């Protein structure tokens, strides 16, 4: 049985890693560089992000909503997400599609 892959998935370009820092330093004739990934920030997290994280930290001792109630309510009410393209999961034990 052949596996069918969605054109949307098949069209994703694989990640292409950047050059090693040693190679960049050689090319530019510099030393002592610090390499950051594309999603890293040399200035640290923003004060807004820290405030949100601080608030969210108050509930990390609780399990998430396994039924994705907020999302399911949005899906049923014609919210932002299209029901046919959405799913939720809370770890290895449960997955819900609404």
PDB file of N, CA and C in Angstrom:
ATOM      1  N   UNK A   1       0.841  -1.179   0.000  1.00  0.00           N
ATOM      2  CA  UNK A   1       0.000   0.000   0.000  1.00  0.00           C
ATOM      3  C   UNK A   1       0.889   1.245   0.000  1.00  0.00           C
ATOM      4  N   UNK A   2       0.675   2.094  -0.963  1.00  0.00           N
ATOM      5  CA  UNK A   2       1.472   3.316  -1.082  1.00  0.00           C
ATOM      6  C   UNK A   2       1.017   4.351  -0.054  1.00  0.00           C
ATOM      7  N   UNK A   3       1.960   5.061   0.476  1.00  0.00           N
ATOM      8  CA  UNK A   3       1.656   6.128   1.427  1.00  0.00           C
ATOM      9  C   UNK A   3       1.430   7.407   0.643  1.00  0.00           C
ATOM     10  N   UNK A   4       0.280   8.050   0.882  1.00  0.00           N
ATOM     11  CA  UNK A   4      -0.018   9.318   0.223  1.00  0.00           C
ATOM     12  C   UNK A   4       0.409  10.461   1.134  1.00  0.00           C
ATOM     13  N   UNK A   5       1.152  11.377   0.589  1.00  0.00           N
ATOM     14  CA  UNK A   5       1.620  12.535   1.346  1.00  0.00           C
ATOM     15  C   UNK A   5       0.982  13.783   0.770  1.00  0.00           C
ATOM     16  N   UNK A   6       0.412  14.578   1.642  1.00  0.00           N
ATOM     17  CA  UNK A   6      -0.221  15.826   1.229  1.00  0.00           C
ATOM     18  C   UNK A   6       0.791  16.705   0.494  1.00  0.00           C
ATOM     19  N   UNK A   7       0.378  17.363  -0.580  1.00  0.00           N
ATOM     20  CA  UNK A   7       1.281  18.283  -1.282  1.00  0.00           C
ATOM     21  C   UNK A   7       1.810  19.381  -0.349  1.00  0.00           C
ATOM     22  N   UNK A   8       0.987  19.777   0.634  1.00  0.00           N
ATOM     23  CA  UNK A   8       1.445  20.795   1.589  1.00  0.00           C
ATOM     24  C   UNK A   8       2.639  20.295   2.396  1.00  0.00           C
ATOM     25  N   UNK A   9       2.590  19.033   2.770  1.00  0.00           N
ATOM     26  CA  UNK A   9       3.697  18.445   3.533  1.00  0.00           C
ATOM     27  C   UNK A   9       4.882  18.164   2.614  1.00  0.00           C
ATOM     28  N   UNK A  10       4.610  17.594   1.458  1.00  0.00           N
ATOM     29  CA  UNK A  10       5.684  17.257   0.519  1.00  0.00           C
ATOM     30  C   UNK A  10       6.445  18.496   0.062  1.00  0.00           C
ATOM     31  N   UNK A  11       5.794  19.652   0.075  1.00  0.00           N
ATOM     32  CA  UNK A  11       6.427  20.880  -0.396  1.00  0.00           C
ATOM     33  C   UNK A  11       7.261  21.606   0.650  1.00  0.00           C
ATOM     34  N   UNK A  12       7.287  21.089   1.878  1.00  0.00           N
ATOM     35  CA  UNK A  12       8.073  21.749   2.934  1.00  0.00           C
ATOM     36  C   UNK A  12       9.559  21.565   2.645  1.00  0.00           C
ATOM     37  N   UNK A  13      10.281  22.658   2.655  1.00  0.00           N
ATOM     38  CA  UNK A  13      11.725  22.609   2.424  1.00  0.00           C
ATOM     39  C   UNK A  13      12.414  22.188   3.725  1.00  0.00           C
ATOM     40  N   UNK A  14      13.245  21.139   3.681  1.00  0.00           N
ATOM     41  CA  UNK A  14      13.932  20.694   4.898  1.00  0.00           C
ATOM     42  C   UNK A  14      14.836  21.786   5.470  1.00  0.00           C
ATOM     43  N   UNK A  15      15.019  21.750   6.762  1.00  0.00           N
ATOM     44  CA  UNK A  15      15.893  22.691   7.457  1.00  0.00           C
ATOM     45  C   UNK A  15      17.311  22.558   6.927  1.00  0.00           C
ATOM     46  N   UNK A  16      17.927  23.682   6.662  1.00  0.00           N
ATOM     47  CA  UNK A  16      19.310  23.704   6.217  1.00  0.00           C
ATOM     48  C   UNK A  16      20.125  24.429   7.285  1.00  0.00           C
ATOM     49  N   UNK A  17      20.949  23.708   8.038  1.00  0.00           N
ATOM     50  CA  UNK A  17      21.686  24.350   9.127  1.00  0.00           C
ATOM     51  C   UNK A  17      22.697  25.368   8.610  1.00  0.00           C
ATOM     52  N   UNK A  18      23.000  26.333   9.454  1.00  0.00           N
ATOM     53  CA  UNK A  18      23.994  27.343   9.109  1.00  0.00           C
ATOM     54  C   UNK A  18      25.407  26.785   9.182  1.00  0.00           C
ATOM     55  N   UNK A  19      26.349  27.622   8.850  1.00  0.00           N
ATOM     56  CA  UNK A  19      27.753  27.213   8.892  1.00  0.00           C
ATOM     57  C   UNK A  19      28.221  27.112  10.338  1.00  0.00           C
ATOM     58  N   UNK A  20      29.176  26.234  10.601  1.00  0.00           N
ATOM     59  CA  UNK A  20      29.782  26.193  11.938  1.00  0.00           C
ATOM     60  C   UNK A  20      30.478  27.534  12.227  1.00  0.00           C
ATOM     61  N   UNK A  21      30.486  27.948  13.468  1.00  0.00           N
ATOM     62  CA  UNK A  21      31.061  29.246  13.850  1.00  0.00           C
ATOM     63  C   UNK A  21      32.532  29.334  13.454  1.00  0.00           C
ATOM     64  N   UNK A  22      33.228  28.212  13.530  1.00  0.00           N
ATOM     65  CA  UNK A  22      34.653  28.213  13.156  1.00  0.00           C
ATOM     66  C   UNK A  22      34.841  28.584  11.681  1.00  0.00           C
ATOM     67  N   UNK A  23      33.946  28.098  10.833  1.00  0.00           N
ATOM     68  CA  UNK A  23      34.034  28.409   9.406  1.00  0.00           C
ATOM     69  C   UNK A  23      33.746  29.891   9.148  1.00  0.00           C
ATOM     70  N   UNK A  24      32.762  30.429   9.821  1.00  0.00           N
ATOM     71  CA  UNK A  24      32.424  31.849   9.672  1.00  0.00           C
ATOM     72  C   UNK A  24      33.590  32.718  10.134  1.00  0.00           C
ATOM     73  N   UNK A  25      34.190  32.363  11.268  1.00  0.00           N
ATOM     74  CA  UNK A  25      35.336  33.144  11.775  1.00  0.00           C
ATOM     75  C   UNK A  25      36.493  33.109  10.785  1.00  0.00           C
ATOM     76  N   UNK A  26      36.762  31.942  10.201  1.00  0.00           N
ATOM     77  CA  UNK A  26      37.837  31.845   9.203  1.00  0.00           C
ATOM     78  C   UNK A  26      37.528  32.726   7.995  1.00  0.00           C
ATOM     79  N   UNK A  27      36.286  32.652   7.498  1.00  0.00           N
ATOM     80  CA  UNK A  27      35.913  33.432   6.320  1.00  0.00           C
ATOM     81  C   UNK A  27      36.024  34.935   6.566  1.00  0.00           C
ATOM     82  N   UNK A  28      35.642  35.373   7.783  1.00  0.00           N
ATOM     83  CA  UNK A  28      35.647  36.800   8.096  1.00  0.00           C
ATOM     84  C   UNK A  28      36.940  37.281   8.754  1.00  0.00           C
ATOM     85  N   UNK A  29      37.817  36.328   9.098  1.00  0.00           N
ATOM     86  CA  UNK A  29      39.074  36.695   9.741  1.00  0.00           C
ATOM     87  C   UNK A  29      38.880  37.236  11.153  1.00  0.00           C
ATOM     88  N   UNK A  30      37.927  36.689  11.897  1.00  0.00           N
ATOM     89  CA  UNK A  30      37.659  37.144  13.269  1.00  0.00           C
ATOM     90  C   UNK A  30      37.744  35.965  14.229  1.00  0.00           C
ATOM     91  N   UNK A  31      37.806  36.268  15.520  1.00  0.00           N
ATOM     92  CA  UNK A  31      37.805  35.230  16.554  1.00  0.00           C
ATOM     93  C   UNK A  31      36.904  35.672  17.705  1.00  0.00           C
ATOM     94  N   UNK A  32      36.587  34.719  18.566  1.00  0.00           N
ATOM     95  CA  UNK A  32      35.813  35.032  19.768  1.00  0.00           C
ATOM     96  C   UNK A  32      34.328  35.262  19.538  1.00  0.00           C
ATOM     97  N   UNK A  33      33.818  34.783  18.417  1.00  0.00           N
ATOM     98  CA  UNK A  33      32.398  34.977  18.119  1.00  0.00           C
ATOM     99  C   UNK A  33      31.530  34.085  19.005  1.00  0.00           C
ATOM    100  N   UNK A  34      30.299  34.485  19.166  1.00  0.00           N
ATOM    101  CA  UNK A  34      29.313  33.678  19.871  1.00  0.00           C
ATOM    102  C   UNK A  34      28.192  33.408  18.881  1.00  0.00           C
ATOM    103  N   UNK A  35      27.889  32.138  18.678  1.00  0.00           N
ATOM    104  CA  UNK A  35      26.863  31.775  17.703  1.00  0.00           C
ATOM    105  C   UNK A  35      25.516  31.636  18.394  1.00  0.00           C
ATOM    106  N   UNK A  36      24.517  32.269  17.818  1.00  0.00           N
ATOM    107  CA  UNK A  36      23.145  32.140  18.293  1.00  0.00           C
ATOM    108  C   UNK A  36      22.322  31.448  17.225  1.00  0.00           C
ATOM    109  N   UNK A  37      21.392  30.629  17.632  1.00  0.00           N
ATOM    110  CA  UNK A  37      20.470  30.021  16.686  1.00  0.00           C
ATOM    111  C   UNK A  37      19.520  31.108  16.181  1.00  0.00           C
ATOM    112  N   UNK A  38      18.815  30.822  15.104  1.00  0.00           N
ATOM    113  CA  UNK A  38      17.945  31.831  14.512  1.00  0.00           C
ATOM    114  C   UNK A  38      16.814  32.263  15.436  1.00  0.00           C
ATOM    115  N   UNK A  39      16.482  31.435  16.406  1.00  0.00           N
ATOM    116  CA  UNK A  39      15.410  31.804  17.326  1.00  0.00           C
ATOM    117  C   UNK A  39      15.941  32.291  18.677  1.00  0.00           C
ATOM    118  N   UNK A  40      17.229  32.548  18.778  1.00  0.00           N
ATOM    119  CA  UNK A  40      17.817  33.039  20.022  1.00  0.00           C
ATOM    120  C   UNK A  40      17.987  34.558  19.960  1.00  0.00           C
ATOM    121  N   UNK A  41      18.021  35.174  21.142  1.00  0.00           N
ATOM    122  CA  UNK A  41      18.075  36.621  21.238  1.00  0.00           C
ATOM    123  C   UNK A  41      19.221  37.009  22.187  1.00  0.00           C
ATOM    124  N   UNK A  42      20.184  37.793  21.734  1.00  0.00           N
ATOM    125  CA  UNK A  42      21.307  38.155  22.607  1.00  0.00           C
ATOM    126  C   UNK A  42      20.904  39.073  23.756  1.00  0.00           C
ATOM    127  N   UNK A  43      19.718  39.649  23.703  1.00  0.00           N
ATOM    128  CA  UNK A  43      19.269  40.578  24.756  1.00  0.00           C
ATOM    129  C   UNK A  43      18.426  39.902  25.830  1.00  0.00           C
ATOM    130  N   UNK A  44      18.146  38.623  25.681  1.00  0.00           N
ATOM    131  CA  UNK A  44      17.321  37.922  26.656  1.00  0.00           C
ATOM    132  C   UNK A  44      15.843  38.137  26.393  1.00  0.00           C
ATOM    133  N   UNK A  45      15.004  37.532  27.218  1.00  0.00           N
ATOM    134  CA  UNK A  45      13.560  37.647  27.000  1.00  0.00           C
ATOM    135  C   UNK A  45      13.055  39.060  27.286  1.00  0.00           C
ATOM    136  N   UNK A  46      11.989  39.444  26.600  1.00  0.00           N
ATOM    137  CA  UNK A  46      11.420  40.769  26.806  1.00  0.00           C
ATOM    138  C   UNK A  46      10.710  40.831  28.156  1.00  0.00           C
ATOM    139  N   UNK A  47      10.588  42.007  28.735  1.00  0.00           N
ATOM    140  CA  UNK A  47       9.849  42.146  29.995  1.00  0.00           C
ATOM    141  C   UNK A  47       8.410  41.635  29.884  1.00  0.00           C
ATOM    142  N   UNK A  48       7.776  41.816  28.723  1.00  0.00           N
ATOM    143  CA  UNK A  48       6.412  41.311  28.544  1.00  0.00           C
ATOM    144  C   UNK A  48       6.388  39.793  28.612  1.00  0.00           C
ATOM    145  N   UNK A  49       7.357  39.140  27.964  1.00  0.00           N
ATOM    146  CA  UNK A  49       7.426  37.681  27.988  1.00  0.00           C
ATOM    147  C   UNK A  49       7.679  37.184  29.407  1.00  0.00           C
ATOM    148  N   UNK A  50       8.546  37.856  30.132  1.00  0.00           N
ATOM    149  CA  UNK A  50       8.820  37.462  31.518  1.00  0.00           C
ATOM    150  C   UNK A  50       7.584  37.600  32.401  1.00  0.00           C
ATOM    151  N   UNK A  51       6.785  38.639  32.167  1.00  0.00           N
ATOM    152  CA  UNK A  51       5.560  38.834  32.950  1.00  0.00           C
ATOM    153  C   UNK A  51       4.564  37.712  32.678  1.00  0.00           C
ATOM    154  N   UNK A  52       4.416  37.329  31.406  1.00  0.00           N
ATOM    155  CA  UNK A  52       3.496  36.247  31.048  1.00  0.00           C
ATOM    156  C   UNK A  52       3.997  34.929  31.638  1.00  0.00           C
ATOM    157  N   UNK A  53       5.287  34.687  31.531  1.00  0.00           N
ATOM    158  CA  UNK A  53       5.872  33.464  32.072  1.00  0.00           C
ATOM    159  C   UNK A  53       5.685  33.393  33.588  1.00  0.00           C
ATOM    160  N   UNK A  54       5.893  34.497  34.257  1.00  0.00           N
ATOM    161  CA  UNK A  54       5.724  34.554  35.702  1.00  0.00           C
ATOM    162  C   UNK A  54       4.294  34.199  36.095  1.00  0.00           C
ATOM    163  N   UNK A  55       3.324  34.723  35.359  1.00  0.00           N
ATOM    164  CA  UNK A  55       1.916  34.428  35.639  1.00  0.00           C
ATOM    165  C   UNK A  55       1.604  32.960  35.354  1.00  0.00           C
ATOM    166  N   UNK A  56       2.104  32.447  34.223  1.00  0.00           N
ATOM    167  CA  UNK A  56       1.839  31.057  33.844  1.00  0.00           C
ATOM    168  C   UNK A  56       2.494  30.078  34.810  1.00  0.00           C
ATOM    169  N   UNK A  57       3.612  30.466  35.399  1.00  0.00           N
ATOM    170  CA  UNK A  57       4.327  29.588  36.325  1.00  0.00           C
ATOM    171  C   UNK A  57       3.486  29.230  37.549  1.00  0.00           C
ATOM    172  N   UNK A  58       2.491  30.032  37.837  1.00  0.00           N
ATOM    173  CA  UNK A  58       1.639  29.777  39.007  1.00  0.00           C
ATOM    174  C   UNK A  58       0.766  28.540  38.823  1.00  0.00           C
ATOM    175  N   UNK A  59       0.616  28.064  37.584  1.00  0.00           N
ATOM    176  CA  UNK A  59      -0.265  26.921  37.343  1.00  0.00           C
ATOM    177  C   UNK A  59       0.442  25.723  36.718  1.00  0.00           C
ATOM    178  N   UNK A  60       1.777  25.702  36.694  1.00  0.00           N
ATOM    179  CA  UNK A  60       2.476  24.586  36.059  1.00  0.00           C
ATOM    180  C   UNK A  60       2.334  23.284  36.837  1.00  0.00           C
ATOM    181  N   UNK A  61       1.842  23.354  38.048  1.00  0.00           N
ATOM    182  CA  UNK A  61       1.636  22.151  38.829  1.00  0.00           C
ATOM    183  C   UNK A  61       0.311  21.455  38.507  1.00  0.00           C
ATOM    184  N   UNK A  62      -0.449  21.998  37.544  1.00  0.00           N
ATOM    185  CA  UNK A  62      -1.757  21.455  37.189  1.00  0.00           C
ATOM    186  C   UNK A  62      -1.700  20.825  35.799  1.00  0.00           C
ATOM    187  N   UNK A  63      -2.460  19.760  35.607  1.00  0.00           N
ATOM    188  CA  UNK A  63      -2.547  19.149  34.289  1.00  0.00           C
ATOM    189  C   UNK A  63      -3.301  20.081  33.339  1.00  0.00           C
ATOM    190  N   UNK A  64      -2.958  20.052  32.050  1.00  0.00           N
ATOM    191  CA  UNK A  64      -3.689  20.873  31.080  1.00  0.00           C
ATOM    192  C   UNK A  64      -5.092  20.300  30.853  1.00  0.00           C
ATOM    193  N   UNK A  65      -5.921  21.064  30.204  1.00  0.00           N
ATOM    194  CA  UNK A  65      -7.273  20.636  29.872  1.00  0.00           C
ATOM    195  C   UNK A  65      -7.196  19.565  28.792  1.00  0.00           C
ATOM    196  N   UNK A  66      -7.370  18.311  29.175  1.00  0.00           N
ATOM    197  CA  UNK A  66      -7.251  17.189  28.245  1.00  0.00           C
ATOM    198  C   UNK A  66      -8.269  17.206  27.127  1.00  0.00           C
ATOM    199  N   UNK A  67      -9.378  17.869  27.339  1.00  0.00           N
ATOM    200  CA  UNK A  67     -10.402  17.922  26.307  1.00  0.00           C
ATOM    201  C   UNK A  67     -10.291  19.126  25.405  1.00  0.00           C
ATOM    202  N   UNK A  68      -9.276  19.949  25.625  1.00  0.00           N
ATOM    203  CA  UNK A  68      -9.083  21.167  24.835  1.00  0.00           C
ATOM    204  C   UNK A  68     -10.390  21.956  24.758  1.00  0.00           C
ATOM    205  N   UNK A  69     -11.015  22.162  25.905  1.00  0.00           N
ATOM    206  CA  UNK A  69     -12.339  22.778  25.974  1.00  0.00           C
ATOM    207  C   UNK A  69     -12.419  24.123  25.271  1.00  0.00           C
ATOM    208  N   UNK A  70     -11.447  24.995  25.498  1.00  0.00           N
ATOM    209  CA  UNK A  70     -11.467  26.317  24.864  1.00  0.00           C
ATOM    210  C   UNK A  70     -11.422  26.186  23.352  1.00  0.00           C
ATOM    211  N   UNK A  71     -10.524  25.347  22.858  1.00  0.00           N
ATOM    212  CA  UNK A  71     -10.411  25.164  21.404  1.00  0.00           C
ATOM    213  C   UNK A  71     -11.672  24.518  20.843  1.00  0.00           C
ATOM    214  N   UNK A  72     -12.191  23.492  21.525  1.00  0.00           N
ATOM    215  CA  UNK A  72     -13.392  22.818  21.045  1.00  0.00           C
ATOM    216  C   UNK A  72     -14.561  23.787  20.971  1.00  0.00           C
ATOM    217  N   UNK A  73     -14.667  24.673  21.946  1.00  0.00           N
ATOM    218  CA  UNK A  73     -15.740  25.673  21.938  1.00  0.00           C
ATOM    219  C   UNK A  73     -15.590  26.603  20.737  1.00  0.00           C
ATOM    220  N   UNK A  74     -14.369  27.028  20.453  1.00  0.00           N
ATOM    221  CA  UNK A  74     -14.125  27.879  19.288  1.00  0.00           C
ATOM    222  C   UNK A  74     -14.461  27.153  17.990  1.00  0.00           C
ATOM    223  N   UNK A  75     -14.058  25.876  17.897  1.00  0.00           N
ATOM    224  CA  UNK A  75     -14.339  25.115  16.684  1.00  0.00           C
ATOM    225  C   UNK A  75     -15.841  25.001  16.461  1.00  0.00           C
ATOM    226  N   UNK A  76     -16.575  24.672  17.517  1.00  0.00           N
ATOM    227  CA  UNK A  76     -18.016  24.494  17.386  1.00  0.00           C
ATOM    228  C   UNK A  76     -18.733  25.798  17.057  1.00  0.00           C
ATOM    229  N   UNK A  77     -18.173  26.910  17.511  1.00  0.00           N
ATOM    230  CA  UNK A  77     -18.833  28.195  17.283  1.00  0.00           C
ATOM    231  C   UNK A  77     -18.374  28.876  15.991  1.00  0.00           C
ATOM    232  N   UNK A  78     -17.584  28.162  15.194  1.00  0.00           N
ATOM    233  CA  UNK A  78     -17.090  28.760  13.949  1.00  0.00           C
ATOM    234  C   UNK A  78     -15.972  29.741  14.222  1.00  0.00           C
ATOM    235  N   UNK A  79     -15.170  29.454  15.232  1.00  0.00           N
ATOM    236  CA  UNK A  79     -14.063  30.330  15.613  1.00  0.00           C
ATOM    237  C   UNK A  79     -12.972  30.381  14.568  1.00  0.00           C
ATOM    238  N   UNK A  80     -11.807  30.836  14.992  1.00  0.00           N
ATOM    239  CA  UNK A  80     -10.709  31.086  14.057  1.00  0.00           C
ATOM    240  C   UNK A  80     -10.174  29.842  13.369  1.00  0.00           C
ATOM    241  N   UNK A  81     -10.231  28.681  14.005  1.00  0.00           N
ATOM    242  CA  UNK A  81      -9.620  27.486  13.436  1.00  0.00           C
ATOM    243  C   UNK A  81     -10.626  26.671  12.660  1.00  0.00           C
ATOM    244  N   UNK A  82     -10.168  26.097  11.571  1.00  0.00           N
ATOM    245  CA  UNK A  82     -11.021  25.194  10.801  1.00  0.00           C
ATOM    246  C   UNK A  82     -10.971  23.832  11.457  1.00  0.00           C
ATOM    247  N   UNK A  83     -12.102  23.321  11.744  1.00  0.00           N
ATOM    248  CA  UNK A  83     -12.223  22.055  12.457  1.00  0.00           C
ATOM    249  C   UNK A  83     -11.484  20.909  11.759  1.00  0.00           C
ATOM    250  N   UNK A  84     -11.502  20.863  10.454  1.00  0.00           N
ATOM    251  CA  UNK A  84     -10.899  19.757   9.728  1.00  0.00           C
ATOM    252  C   UNK A  84      -9.376  19.785   9.756  1.00  0.00           C
ATOM    253  N   UNK A  85      -8.787  20.864  10.205  1.00  0.00           N
ATOM    254  CA  UNK A  85      -7.329  20.954  10.210  1.00  0.00           C
ATOM    255  C   UNK A  85      -6.769  21.112  11.618  1.00  0.00           C
ATOM    256  N   UNK A  86      -7.538  20.724  12.615  1.00  0.00           N
ATOM    257  CA  UNK A  86      -7.113  20.960  13.985  1.00  0.00           C
ATOM    258  C   UNK A  86      -7.162  19.694  14.816  1.00  0.00           C
ATOM    259  N   UNK A  87      -6.214  19.572  15.726  1.00  0.00           N
ATOM    260  CA  UNK A  87      -6.224  18.484  16.695  1.00  0.00           C
ATOM    261  C   UNK A  87      -5.495  18.967  17.930  1.00  0.00           C
ATOM    262  N   UNK A  88      -5.680  18.251  19.011  1.00  0.00           N
ATOM    263  CA  UNK A  88      -4.977  18.612  20.239  1.00  0.00           C
ATOM    264  C   UNK A  88      -4.461  17.342  20.891  1.00  0.00           C
ATOM    265  N   UNK A  89      -3.428  17.482  21.683  1.00  0.00           N
ATOM    266  CA  UNK A  89      -2.884  16.338  22.407  1.00  0.00           C
ATOM    267  C   UNK A  89      -2.309  16.834  23.720  1.00  0.00           C
ATOM    268  N   UNK A  90      -2.448  16.009  24.742  1.00  0.00           N
ATOM    269  CA  UNK A  90      -1.910  16.361  26.059  1.00  0.00           C
ATOM    270  C   UNK A  90      -0.958  15.265  26.514  1.00  0.00           C
ATOM    271  N   UNK A  91       0.051  15.029  25.742  1.00  0.00           N
ATOM    272  CA  UNK A  91       1.017  14.006  26.114  1.00  0.00           C
ATOM    273  C   UNK A  91       0.757  12.716  25.369  1.00  0.00           C
ATOM    274  N   UNK A  92       1.173  11.620  25.963  1.00  0.00           N
ATOM    275  CA  UNK A  92       1.110  10.332  25.280  1.00  0.00           C
ATOM    276  C   UNK A  92      -0.196   9.585  25.479  1.00  0.00           C
ATOM    277  N   UNK A  93      -1.079  10.091  26.318  1.00  0.00           N
ATOM    278  CA  UNK A  93      -2.248   9.300  26.672  1.00  0.00           C
ATOM    279  C   UNK A  93      -3.533   9.691  25.973  1.00  0.00           C
ATOM    280  N   UNK A  94      -3.609  10.885  25.415  1.00  0.00           N
ATOM    281  CA  UNK A  94      -4.879  11.314  24.844  1.00  0.00           C
ATOM    282  C   UNK A  94      -4.663  12.281  23.682  1.00  0.00           C
ATOM    283  N   UNK A  95      -5.465  12.116  22.648  1.00  0.00           N
ATOM    284  CA  UNK A  95      -5.460  13.038  21.532  1.00  0.00           C
ATOM    285  C   UNK A  95      -6.912  13.271  21.133  1.00  0.00           C
ATOM    286  N   UNK A  96      -7.259  14.516  20.874  1.00  0.00           N
ATOM    287  CA  UNK A  96      -8.646  14.848  20.545  1.00  0.00           C
ATOM    288  C   UNK A  96      -8.713  15.571  19.212  1.00  0.00           C
ATOM    289  N   UNK A  97      -9.663  15.208  18.425  1.00  0.00           N
ATOM    290  CA  UNK A  97      -9.986  15.969  17.218  1.00  0.00           C
ATOM    291  C   UNK A  97     -11.444  16.376  17.321  1.00  0.00           C
ATOM    292  N   UNK A  98     -11.710  17.632  17.113  1.00  0.00           N
ATOM    293  CA  UNK A  98     -13.089  18.104  17.235  1.00  0.00           C
ATOM    294  C   UNK A  98     -13.637  18.461  15.884  1.00  0.00           C
TER     295      UNK A  98
END
